[in-house]
Amino acid sequence: MSNTNVQLQKGKSEVKIQKQKKFWREVRNSWQLYVLFALPLLYILVFKYYPMYGASIAFKNFSPILGITDSPWVGFDHFKRFFESYEFVRVLKNTLLLSLYQLVAGFPFPIILALSLNYVMHSKFKKSVQMITYAPHFISVVVMVGIILLILEPRGPLNDLLALLGMERIHFMGEASLFKSIFVWSGIWQNVGFGCIIYLAALSSVSPELHEAAVVDGASKLQRIWHIDIPSILPITIILLILDMGNILDTGFEKVLLMQNNLNLSTSEVIDTYVYKVGLIAALPQYSYAAAIGIFKAVIALILIAGANKLSKKVGQESLW
């Protein structure tokens, strides 16, 4: 019996050695590919995984003097403090409402634009529309917010038009109730053209024979869109929707902060801007508290993307894993 065990162990060792030899043989034969792979891998390790060590300050009372290792451990105290804070409900509510508004209002427009452009036969007109709709995406956030503030200021062109029509001037950026709409619809205008690129690519892979058969059967353009185009882009649409669910608490820190002022703060204060204020620009920066809020946000995003992925699999659609 013991001899059998020895032979089995010896056989396993030989198989392991053979696999190792095969692996290193493949590395030698394709070393160029492994060198190319090493560069992005090194980037991920240095800039994505190594900083995770710093996230441990969320469970400590971090002091720059003591450093991460020697700072005293406090467990979940910072998380409890955030949950019990009077700011918790306000910033979470603003973040969710703004993100959901952005998702519901903005998600269909790239699809509609892509479907519309797909049926445009005039090539020059199609390219012109593509260029016009793509261009705003390449404007920086700072410039974009500057344009928005210039147009919407009390003495700006939009208010001049309202005055010309006999209506009262509106301080758009001073109205807290208007902040979400201004933020979302300006974002749709800026990103709708760029967002439709992936849908146009998916539509280009649809077999022309399907459309030819539909035309022979007397199908209208709307019927072709509903029965051919939409089912064809549905898998990629589901994937993008799942990814968007993972970013549900990521509202776009830079734009929110630049559009924020004391008059609209009640609806514009989101998790990202709150973390920035308490963690960096406060008189006494609270690094551990800000890190705890960041981890809370990341955990919620992970739960949402996992839930959306599972739901997609249950209804028989595409999924990430």
Protein backbone atom coordinates (compact mmCIF):
# COMPACT_ATOMS: atom_id res chain seq x y z
CA MET A 1 0.00 0.00 0.00
CA SER A 2 2.83 2.33 0.87
CA ASN A 3 4.56 1.55 -2.46
CA THR A 4 1.37 2.54 -4.28
CA ASN A 5 1.27 5.87 -2.46
CA VAL A 6 4.91 6.49 -3.28
CA GLN A 7 4.29 5.78 -6.96
CA LEU A 8 1.26 8.10 -7.00
CA GLN A 9 3.24 10.90 -5.38
CA LYS A 10 6.08 10.32 -7.83
CA GLY A 11 3.64 10.40 -10.76
CA LYS A 12 2.10 13.67 -9.55
CA SER A 13 5.55 15.22 -9.17
CA GLU A 14 6.51 14.21 -12.70
CA VAL A 15 3.28 15.67 -14.11
CA LYS A 16 3.91 18.89 -12.22
CA ILE A 17 7.48 19.08 -13.52
CA GLN A 18 6.27 18.46 -17.09
CA LYS A 19 3.70 21.27 -16.79
CA GLN A 20 6.35 23.65 -15.48
CA LYS A 21 8.70 22.76 -18.33
CA LYS A 22 5.90 23.26 -20.86
CA PHE A 23 5.04 26.65 -19.35
CA TRP A 24 8.62 27.94 -19.46
CA ARG A 25 9.00 26.59 -22.99
CA GLU A 26 5.99 28.62 -24.06
CA VAL A 27 7.42 31.68 -22.30
CA ARG A 28 10.70 31.33 -24.18
CA ASN A 29 8.94 30.85 -27.52
CA SER A 30 6.63 33.85 -27.03
CA TRP A 31 8.69 36.07 -24.74
CA GLN A 32 7.75 39.20 -26.73
CA LEU A 33 4.07 38.77 -25.83
CA TYR A 34 4.91 38.30 -22.16
CA VAL A 35 7.02 41.47 -22.17
CA LEU A 36 4.10 43.41 -23.64
CA PHE A 37 1.79 41.86 -21.06
CA ALA A 38 4.16 42.77 -18.22
CA LEU A 39 3.79 46.51 -18.81
CA PRO A 40 0.00 46.79 -18.22
CA LEU A 41 0.30 44.20 -15.44
CA LEU A 42 2.93 46.33 -13.70
CA TYR A 43 0.73 49.41 -14.12
CA ILE A 44 -2.23 47.63 -12.50
CA LEU A 45 -0.14 46.32 -9.63
CA VAL A 46 1.50 49.68 -8.88
CA PHE A 47 -1.43 52.04 -9.39
CA LYS A 48 -4.45 49.81 -8.63
CA TYR A 49 -3.49 47.11 -6.15
CA TYR A 50 -0.66 48.68 -4.15
CA PRO A 51 -2.78 51.74 -3.15
CA MET A 52 -5.30 49.32 -1.61
CA TYR A 53 -2.88 49.06 1.31
CA GLY A 54 -3.58 52.73 2.02
CA ALA A 55 -7.30 51.99 2.29
CA SER A 56 -6.56 50.37 5.65
CA ILE A 57 -6.52 53.86 7.19
CA ALA A 58 -10.32 53.65 7.10
CA PHE A 59 -10.02 51.23 10.03
CA LYS A 60 -7.41 53.30 11.86
CA ASN A 61 -7.10 56.70 13.45
CA PHE A 62 -4.55 57.74 10.86
CA SER A 63 -1.83 60.21 11.72
CA PRO A 64 0.69 61.38 9.09
CA ILE A 65 3.33 61.46 11.80
CA LEU A 66 2.80 57.85 12.86
CA GLY A 67 2.18 56.53 9.36
CA ILE A 68 -0.23 53.84 8.22
CA THR A 69 1.42 50.97 10.08
CA ASP A 70 1.74 52.62 13.51
CA SER A 71 -1.60 54.47 13.54
CA PRO A 72 -3.98 53.04 16.19
CA TRP A 73 -6.65 50.59 15.06
CA VAL A 74 -10.27 51.75 15.59
CA GLY A 75 -12.22 49.15 13.59
CA PHE A 76 -15.52 50.33 12.14
CA ASP A 77 -15.74 53.53 14.19
CA HIS A 78 -15.44 55.82 11.16
CA PHE A 79 -18.15 53.90 9.32
CA LYS A 80 -20.49 54.18 12.30
CA ARG A 81 -19.73 57.88 12.53
CA PHE A 82 -20.70 58.39 8.88
CA PHE A 83 -23.91 56.37 9.21
CA GLU A 84 -24.92 58.35 12.30
CA SER A 85 -23.95 61.71 10.78
CA TYR A 86 -26.70 64.18 9.88
CA GLU A 87 -25.01 64.49 6.46
CA PHE A 88 -25.41 60.77 5.66
CA VAL A 89 -29.01 60.85 4.50
CA ARG A 90 -28.58 64.09 2.56
CA VAL A 91 -25.46 63.16 0.58
CA LEU A 92 -26.66 59.60 -0.08
CA LYS A 93 -30.06 60.82 -1.24
CA ASN A 94 -28.53 63.48 -3.51
CA THR A 95 -26.07 61.00 -4.97
CA LEU A 96 -28.69 58.34 -5.69
CA LEU A 97 -31.23 60.76 -7.14
CA LEU A 98 -28.65 62.42 -9.37
CA SER A 99 -27.21 59.09 -10.55
CA LEU A 100 -30.61 57.50 -11.23
CA TYR A 101 -31.79 60.63 -13.04
CA GLN A 102 -28.63 60.53 -15.14
CA LEU A 103 -29.03 56.81 -15.88
CA VAL A 104 -32.74 56.89 -16.75
CA ALA A 105 -32.58 60.07 -18.82
CA GLY A 106 -29.21 59.52 -20.47
CA PHE A 107 -29.06 55.79 -21.22
CA PRO A 108 -31.65 55.68 -24.08
CA PHE A 109 -30.33 58.68 -26.05
CA PRO A 110 -27.13 57.10 -27.47
CA ILE A 111 -29.23 54.11 -28.59
CA ILE A 112 -31.82 56.34 -30.26
CA LEU A 113 -29.10 58.39 -31.98
CA ALA A 114 -27.32 55.26 -33.20
CA LEU A 115 -30.53 53.74 -34.56
CA SER A 116 -31.37 57.01 -36.32
CA LEU A 117 -27.93 57.42 -37.88
CA ASN A 118 -27.99 53.80 -39.01
CA TYR A 119 -30.84 54.60 -41.41
CA VAL A 120 -29.40 57.85 -42.78
CA MET A 121 -28.45 57.23 -46.42
CA HIS A 122 -26.87 60.63 -47.17
CA SER A 123 -23.23 60.03 -46.18
CA LYS A 124 -22.22 63.73 -45.88
CA PHE A 125 -25.20 64.53 -43.67
CA LYS A 126 -24.51 61.44 -41.54
CA LYS A 127 -20.85 62.37 -41.05
CA SER A 128 -21.79 65.96 -40.23
CA VAL A 129 -24.24 64.84 -37.54
CA GLN A 130 -21.65 62.45 -36.12
CA MET A 131 -19.01 65.18 -35.94
CA ILE A 132 -21.40 67.69 -34.36
CA THR A 133 -22.61 65.23 -31.72
CA TYR A 134 -19.13 63.81 -30.97
CA ALA A 135 -17.40 67.19 -30.61
CA PRO A 136 -18.77 68.24 -27.17
CA HIS A 137 -17.32 65.09 -25.59
CA PHE A 138 -13.80 66.39 -26.19
CA ILE A 139 -14.43 69.67 -24.38
CA SER A 140 -12.88 69.61 -20.91
CA VAL A 141 -15.16 69.61 -17.88
CA VAL A 142 -13.87 73.02 -16.76
CA VAL A 143 -14.62 74.61 -20.13
CA MET A 144 -18.00 72.89 -20.30
CA VAL A 145 -19.05 74.19 -16.88
CA GLY A 146 -17.80 77.65 -17.85
CA ILE A 147 -20.05 77.56 -20.93
CA ILE A 148 -23.02 76.41 -18.82
CA LEU A 149 -22.49 79.16 -16.23
CA LEU A 150 -22.09 81.78 -18.95
CA ILE A 151 -25.31 80.78 -20.69
CA LEU A 152 -27.37 80.44 -17.50
CA GLU A 153 -26.16 83.47 -15.55
CA PRO A 154 -28.80 86.13 -14.68
CA ARG A 155 -27.49 88.43 -17.42
CA GLY A 156 -26.70 85.60 -19.82
CA PRO A 157 -28.19 84.88 -23.27
CA LEU A 158 -30.88 82.50 -21.99
CA ASN A 159 -32.20 85.04 -19.53
CA ASP A 160 -32.00 87.73 -22.21
CA LEU A 161 -34.26 85.54 -24.35
CA LEU A 162 -36.69 85.08 -21.45
CA ALA A 163 -36.76 88.84 -20.88
CA LEU A 164 -37.38 89.40 -24.60
CA LEU A 165 -40.40 87.08 -24.34
CA GLY A 166 -41.72 89.07 -21.38
CA MET A 167 -40.78 86.50 -18.74
CA GLU A 168 -38.85 87.04 -15.52
CA ARG A 169 -35.14 86.34 -15.35
CA ILE A 170 -34.19 83.17 -13.46
CA HIS A 171 -31.03 82.57 -11.45
CA PHE A 172 -30.69 79.02 -12.72
CA MET A 173 -27.59 78.08 -10.73
CA GLY A 174 -29.09 79.56 -7.59
CA GLU A 175 -32.20 77.37 -7.76
CA ALA A 176 -31.46 74.14 -5.89
CA SER A 177 -34.40 72.38 -7.57
CA LEU A 178 -32.90 72.99 -11.03
CA PHE A 179 -29.39 71.71 -10.29
CA LYS A 180 -30.04 68.04 -11.15
CA SER A 181 -31.74 68.85 -14.46
CA ILE A 182 -28.98 71.25 -15.52
CA PHE A 183 -26.32 68.70 -14.58
CA VAL A 184 -27.98 65.74 -16.31
CA TRP A 185 -29.13 67.35 -19.55
CA SER A 186 -25.88 69.19 -20.12
CA GLY A 187 -24.14 65.83 -19.62
CA ILE A 188 -26.42 64.18 -22.17
CA TRP A 189 -25.65 66.91 -24.69
CA GLN A 190 -21.93 66.48 -24.10
CA ASN A 191 -21.73 62.67 -24.20
CA VAL A 192 -24.58 61.38 -26.35
CA GLY A 193 -22.56 61.40 -29.58
CA PHE A 194 -19.58 59.61 -28.11
CA GLY A 195 -21.82 57.11 -26.33
CA CYS A 196 -23.51 56.01 -29.55
CA ILE A 197 -20.23 54.87 -31.16
CA ILE A 198 -20.35 51.41 -29.60
CA TYR A 199 -23.98 50.95 -30.67
CA LEU A 200 -23.15 51.99 -34.25
CA ALA A 201 -20.37 49.39 -34.22
CA ALA A 202 -22.84 46.74 -33.02
CA LEU A 203 -25.37 47.74 -35.69
CA SER A 204 -22.72 47.49 -38.41
CA SER A 205 -22.37 43.78 -37.63
CA VAL A 206 -26.06 43.08 -38.36
CA SER A 207 -26.40 40.95 -41.49
CA PRO A 208 -27.82 42.96 -44.44
CA GLU A 209 -29.68 39.82 -45.51
CA LEU A 210 -32.00 40.20 -42.50
CA HIS A 211 -32.99 43.70 -43.61
CA GLU A 212 -33.33 42.62 -47.24
CA ALA A 213 -35.67 39.79 -46.22
CA ALA A 214 -37.68 42.17 -44.02
CA VAL A 215 -38.03 44.68 -46.86
CA VAL A 216 -39.24 41.91 -49.20
CA ASP A 217 -41.83 40.95 -46.57
CA GLY A 218 -43.03 44.56 -46.48
CA ALA A 219 -41.64 45.53 -43.05
CA SER A 220 -41.42 49.24 -42.29
CA LYS A 221 -38.32 50.90 -40.85
CA LEU A 222 -39.84 50.93 -37.38
CA GLN A 223 -40.59 47.23 -37.63
CA ARG A 224 -37.04 46.53 -38.78
CA ILE A 225 -35.66 48.54 -35.86
CA TRP A 226 -37.87 46.71 -33.37
CA HIS A 227 -37.41 43.17 -34.68
CA ILE A 228 -33.85 43.25 -36.09
CA ASP A 229 -31.74 46.14 -34.77
CA ILE A 230 -32.80 46.25 -31.13
CA PRO A 231 -32.40 42.46 -30.58
CA SER A 232 -28.97 42.70 -32.24
CA ILE A 233 -27.68 45.40 -29.87
CA LEU A 234 -29.47 44.06 -26.79
CA PRO A 235 -26.48 42.03 -25.48
CA ILE A 236 -24.11 45.00 -25.57
CA THR A 237 -26.84 47.20 -24.09
CA ILE A 238 -27.21 44.84 -21.13
CA ILE A 239 -23.44 44.77 -20.56
CA LEU A 240 -23.22 48.57 -20.58
CA LEU A 241 -26.22 48.82 -18.25
CA ILE A 242 -24.55 46.45 -15.77
CA LEU A 243 -21.37 48.54 -15.88
CA ASP A 244 -23.40 51.72 -15.35
CA MET A 245 -24.99 50.16 -12.28
CA GLY A 246 -21.51 49.78 -10.83
CA ASN A 247 -21.02 53.54 -11.24
CA ILE A 248 -24.36 54.47 -9.69
CA LEU A 249 -22.65 56.35 -6.83
CA ASP A 250 -20.06 57.93 -9.13
CA THR A 251 -21.76 61.13 -10.27
CA GLY A 252 -18.77 62.94 -11.77
CA PHE A 253 -16.91 64.74 -9.00
CA GLU A 254 -15.30 67.52 -11.04
CA LYS A 255 -18.46 68.75 -12.73
CA VAL A 256 -20.55 68.65 -9.56
CA LEU A 257 -17.92 70.57 -7.62
CA LEU A 258 -17.54 73.24 -10.31
CA MET A 259 -21.32 73.74 -10.59
CA GLN A 260 -21.80 73.77 -6.82
CA ASN A 261 -22.45 76.94 -4.83
CA ASN A 262 -23.95 77.89 -1.48
CA LEU A 263 -27.41 78.40 -2.99
CA ASN A 264 -27.76 74.92 -4.53
CA LEU A 265 -25.74 73.02 -1.92
CA SER A 266 -28.84 71.29 -0.52
CA THR A 267 -29.22 69.24 -3.71
CA SER A 268 -25.67 69.33 -5.11
CA GLU A 269 -23.73 67.91 -2.16
CA VAL A 270 -22.91 64.32 -3.15
CA ILE A 271 -20.64 61.68 -1.63
CA ASP A 272 -17.62 62.62 -3.77
CA THR A 273 -17.73 66.32 -2.93
CA TYR A 274 -18.37 65.56 0.74
CA VAL A 275 -15.33 63.27 0.87
CA TYR A 276 -13.21 65.94 -0.82
CA LYS A 277 -14.24 68.56 1.71
CA VAL A 278 -13.81 66.51 4.89
CA GLY A 279 -10.72 64.66 3.69
CA LEU A 280 -8.68 67.36 1.98
CA ILE A 281 -9.80 70.98 2.34
CA ALA A 282 -11.17 70.95 5.89
CA ALA A 283 -9.24 72.91 8.53
CA LEU A 284 -8.38 69.56 10.12
CA PRO A 285 -8.43 66.97 7.30
CA GLN A 286 -10.03 63.69 8.39
CA TYR A 287 -8.19 61.19 6.22
CA SER A 288 -9.52 58.05 7.91
CA TYR A 289 -13.11 59.28 7.89
CA ALA A 290 -12.89 60.14 4.17
CA ALA A 291 -11.32 56.76 3.39
CA ALA A 292 -14.15 54.99 5.24
CA ILE A 293 -16.74 56.81 3.13
CA GLY A 294 -14.83 55.86 -0.02
CA ILE A 295 -14.83 52.18 0.97
CA PHE A 296 -18.56 52.35 1.73
CA LYS A 297 -19.13 53.72 -1.76
CA ALA A 298 -17.00 50.99 -3.34
CA VAL A 299 -18.85 48.22 -1.46
CA ILE A 300 -22.24 49.54 -2.57
CA ALA A 301 -21.00 49.71 -6.18
CA LEU A 302 -19.80 46.09 -5.98
CA ILE A 303 -23.16 44.94 -4.59
CA LEU A 304 -25.07 46.78 -7.31
CA ILE A 305 -22.98 45.47 -10.19
CA ALA A 306 -23.10 41.90 -8.82
CA GLY A 307 -26.88 42.15 -8.35
CA ALA A 308 -27.42 43.54 -11.86
CA ASN A 309 -25.23 40.79 -13.31
CA LYS A 310 -27.15 38.07 -11.46
CA LEU A 311 -30.50 39.54 -12.51
CA SER A 312 -29.34 39.63 -16.13
CA LYS A 313 -28.41 35.95 -15.99
CA LYS A 314 -31.77 35.03 -14.46
CA VAL A 315 -33.73 36.66 -17.26
CA GLY A 316 -31.56 34.90 -19.83
CA GLN A 317 -29.57 37.90 -21.06
CA GLU A 318 -25.86 38.58 -21.39
CA SER A 319 -23.76 38.97 -18.24
CA LEU A 320 -20.23 39.94 -17.26
CA TRP A 321 -19.50 36.61 -15.58
